[in-house]
């Protein structure tokens, strides 16, 4: 996995944590937020 992709996933995850509890964040949510498959 490219460094850019890892950074994008981490950034999206951290942004989602501002809006959702960690137990409500799914991999699908992160992928949709980042626009990756």
PDB file of N, CA and C in Angstrom:
ATOM      1  N   UNK A   1       0.855  -1.175   0.000  1.00  0.00           N
ATOM      2  CA  UNK A   1       0.000   0.000   0.000  1.00  0.00           C
ATOM      3  C   UNK A   1       0.901   1.237   0.000  1.00  0.00           C
ATOM      4  N   UNK A   2       0.590   2.165  -0.846  1.00  0.00           N
ATOM      5  CA  UNK A   2       1.390   3.385  -0.968  1.00  0.00           C
ATOM      6  C   UNK A   2       1.252   4.268   0.275  1.00  0.00           C
ATOM      7  N   UNK A   3       2.300   5.014   0.556  1.00  0.00           N
ATOM      8  CA  UNK A   3       2.263   5.926   1.707  1.00  0.00           C
ATOM      9  C   UNK A   3       1.108   6.907   1.594  1.00  0.00           C
ATOM     10  N   UNK A   4       0.841   7.377   0.355  1.00  0.00           N
ATOM     11  CA  UNK A   4      -0.249   8.323   0.147  1.00  0.00           C
ATOM     12  C   UNK A   4      -1.584   7.714   0.566  1.00  0.00           C
ATOM     13  N   UNK A   5      -1.809   6.460   0.186  1.00  0.00           N
ATOM     14  CA  UNK A   5      -3.067   5.792   0.519  1.00  0.00           C
ATOM     15  C   UNK A   5      -3.192   5.595   2.021  1.00  0.00           C
ATOM     16  N   UNK A   6      -2.113   5.166   2.660  1.00  0.00           N
ATOM     17  CA  UNK A   6      -2.136   4.988   4.116  1.00  0.00           C
ATOM     18  C   UNK A   6      -2.462   6.302   4.818  1.00  0.00           C
ATOM     19  N   UNK A   7      -1.845   7.386   4.354  1.00  0.00           N
ATOM     20  CA  UNK A   7      -2.095   8.704   4.956  1.00  0.00           C
ATOM     21  C   UNK A   7      -3.540   9.125   4.740  1.00  0.00           C
ATOM     22  N   UNK A   8      -4.071   8.894   3.549  1.00  0.00           N
ATOM     23  CA  UNK A   8      -5.457   9.260   3.250  1.00  0.00           C
ATOM     24  C   UNK A   8      -6.420   8.495   4.149  1.00  0.00           C
ATOM     25  N   UNK A   9      -6.172   7.204   4.329  1.00  0.00           N
ATOM     26  CA  UNK A   9      -7.033   6.391   5.194  1.00  0.00           C
ATOM     27  C   UNK A   9      -6.962   6.895   6.632  1.00  0.00           C
ATOM     28  N   UNK A  10      -5.774   7.167   7.117  1.00  0.00           N
ATOM     29  CA  UNK A  10      -5.621   7.648   8.492  1.00  0.00           C
ATOM     30  C   UNK A  10      -6.294   8.999   8.682  1.00  0.00           C
ATOM     31  N   UNK A  11      -6.115   9.899   7.730  1.00  0.00           N
ATOM     32  CA  UNK A  11      -6.740  11.219   7.823  1.00  0.00           C
ATOM     33  C   UNK A  11      -8.263  11.105   7.836  1.00  0.00           C
ATOM     34  N   UNK A  12      -8.801  10.269   6.959  1.00  0.00           N
ATOM     35  CA  UNK A  12     -10.255  10.074   6.915  1.00  0.00           C
ATOM     36  C   UNK A  12     -10.757   9.479   8.228  1.00  0.00           C
ATOM     37  N   UNK A  13     -10.030   8.497   8.735  1.00  0.00           N
ATOM     38  CA  UNK A  13     -10.411   7.868   9.997  1.00  0.00           C
ATOM     39  C   UNK A  13     -10.434   8.882  11.138  1.00  0.00           C
ATOM     40  N   UNK A  14      -9.399   9.682  11.238  1.00  0.00           N
ATOM     41  CA  UNK A  14      -9.333  10.677  12.308  1.00  0.00           C
ATOM     42  C   UNK A  14     -10.434  11.724  12.171  1.00  0.00           C
ATOM     43  N   UNK A  15     -10.753  12.122  10.948  1.00  0.00           N
ATOM     44  CA  UNK A  15     -11.851  13.064  10.736  1.00  0.00           C
ATOM     45  C   UNK A  15     -13.189  12.448  11.119  1.00  0.00           C
ATOM     46  N   UNK A  16     -13.371  11.175  10.818  1.00  0.00           N
ATOM     47  CA  UNK A  16     -14.622  10.504  11.172  1.00  0.00           C
ATOM     48  C   UNK A  16     -14.790  10.403  12.681  1.00  0.00           C
ATOM     49  N   UNK A  17     -13.684  10.248  13.401  1.00  0.00           N
ATOM     50  CA  UNK A  17     -13.766  10.148  14.859  1.00  0.00           C
ATOM     51  C   UNK A  17     -14.286  11.434  15.490  1.00  0.00           C
ATOM     52  N   UNK A  18     -14.180  12.533  14.784  1.00  0.00           N
ATOM     53  CA  UNK A  18     -14.721  13.798  15.286  1.00  0.00           C
ATOM     54  C   UNK A  18     -16.246  13.804  15.219  1.00  0.00           C
ATOM     55  N   UNK A  19     -16.811  12.955  14.352  1.00  0.00           N
ATOM     56  CA  UNK A  19     -18.257  12.930  14.143  1.00  0.00           C
ATOM     57  C   UNK A  19     -18.937  11.678  14.697  1.00  0.00           C
ATOM     58  N   UNK A  20     -18.176  10.594  14.826  1.00  0.00           N
ATOM     59  CA  UNK A  20     -18.755   9.317  15.250  1.00  0.00           C
ATOM     60  C   UNK A  20     -17.923   8.710  16.368  1.00  0.00           C
ATOM     61  N   UNK A  21     -18.560   7.865  17.161  1.00  0.00           N
ATOM     62  CA  UNK A  21     -17.820   7.080  18.146  1.00  0.00           C
ATOM     63  C   UNK A  21     -17.016   6.021  17.411  1.00  0.00           C
ATOM     64  N   UNK A  22     -15.894   5.643  17.982  1.00  0.00           N
ATOM     65  CA  UNK A  22     -15.011   4.680  17.317  1.00  0.00           C
ATOM     66  C   UNK A  22     -15.719   3.349  17.051  1.00  0.00           C
ATOM     67  N   UNK A  23     -16.648   2.962  17.922  1.00  0.00           N
ATOM     68  CA  UNK A  23     -17.341   1.687  17.721  1.00  0.00           C
ATOM     69  C   UNK A  23     -18.379   1.745  16.607  1.00  0.00           C
ATOM     70  N   UNK A  24     -18.616   2.916  16.037  1.00  0.00           N
ATOM     71  CA  UNK A  24     -19.566   3.080  14.934  1.00  0.00           C
ATOM     72  C   UNK A  24     -18.886   3.297  13.586  1.00  0.00           C
ATOM     73  N   UNK A  25     -17.566   3.433  13.577  1.00  0.00           N
ATOM     74  CA  UNK A  25     -16.824   3.652  12.332  1.00  0.00           C
ATOM     75  C   UNK A  25     -16.520   2.296  11.702  1.00  0.00           C
ATOM     76  N   UNK A  26     -16.901   2.133  10.437  1.00  0.00           N
ATOM     77  CA  UNK A  26     -16.637   0.885   9.730  1.00  0.00           C
ATOM     78  C   UNK A  26     -15.597   1.109   8.637  1.00  0.00           C
ATOM     79  N   UNK A  27     -15.035   0.024   8.152  1.00  0.00           N
ATOM     80  CA  UNK A  27     -14.088   0.100   7.039  1.00  0.00           C
ATOM     81  C   UNK A  27     -14.787   0.688   5.822  1.00  0.00           C
ATOM     82  N   UNK A  28     -16.031   0.293   5.602  1.00  0.00           N
ATOM     83  CA  UNK A  28     -16.809   0.825   4.478  1.00  0.00           C
ATOM     84  C   UNK A  28     -16.964   2.330   4.596  1.00  0.00           C
ATOM     85  N   UNK A  29     -17.256   2.825   5.791  1.00  0.00           N
ATOM     86  CA  UNK A  29     -17.373   4.274   6.013  1.00  0.00           C
ATOM     87  C   UNK A  29     -16.083   4.991   5.628  1.00  0.00           C
ATOM     88  N   UNK A  30     -14.965   4.445   6.068  1.00  0.00           N
ATOM     89  CA  UNK A  30     -13.671   5.072   5.786  1.00  0.00           C
ATOM     90  C   UNK A  30     -13.396   5.076   4.289  1.00  0.00           C
ATOM     91  N   UNK A  31     -13.635   3.955   3.631  1.00  0.00           N
ATOM     92  CA  UNK A  31     -13.392   3.866   2.185  1.00  0.00           C
ATOM     93  C   UNK A  31     -14.269   4.836   1.412  1.00  0.00           C
ATOM     94  N   UNK A  32     -15.534   4.938   1.789  1.00  0.00           N
ATOM     95  CA  UNK A  32     -16.432   5.872   1.107  1.00  0.00           C
ATOM     96  C   UNK A  32     -15.990   7.312   1.331  1.00  0.00           C
ATOM     97  N   UNK A  33     -15.588   7.626   2.535  1.00  0.00           N
ATOM     98  CA  UNK A  33     -15.133   8.983   2.862  1.00  0.00           C
ATOM     99  C   UNK A  33     -13.883   9.354   2.059  1.00  0.00           C
ATOM    100  N   UNK A  34     -12.982   8.392   1.901  1.00  0.00           N
ATOM    101  CA  UNK A  34     -11.721   8.634   1.181  1.00  0.00           C
ATOM    102  C   UNK A  34     -11.877   8.514  -0.329  1.00  0.00           C
ATOM    103  N   UNK A  35     -12.929   7.845  -0.758  1.00  0.00           N
ATOM    104  CA  UNK A  35     -13.105   7.622  -2.185  1.00  0.00           C
ATOM    105  C   UNK A  35     -12.189   6.541  -2.733  1.00  0.00           C
ATOM    106  N   UNK A  36     -11.890   5.544  -1.885  1.00  0.00           N
ATOM    107  CA  UNK A  36     -11.053   4.432  -2.339  1.00  0.00           C
ATOM    108  C   UNK A  36     -11.863   3.144  -2.327  1.00  0.00           C
ATOM    109  N   UNK A  37     -11.345   2.145  -3.015  1.00  0.00           N
ATOM    110  CA  UNK A  37     -12.011   0.827  -3.076  1.00  0.00           C
ATOM    111  C   UNK A  37     -11.282  -0.177  -2.229  1.00  0.00           C
TER     112      UNK A  37
END
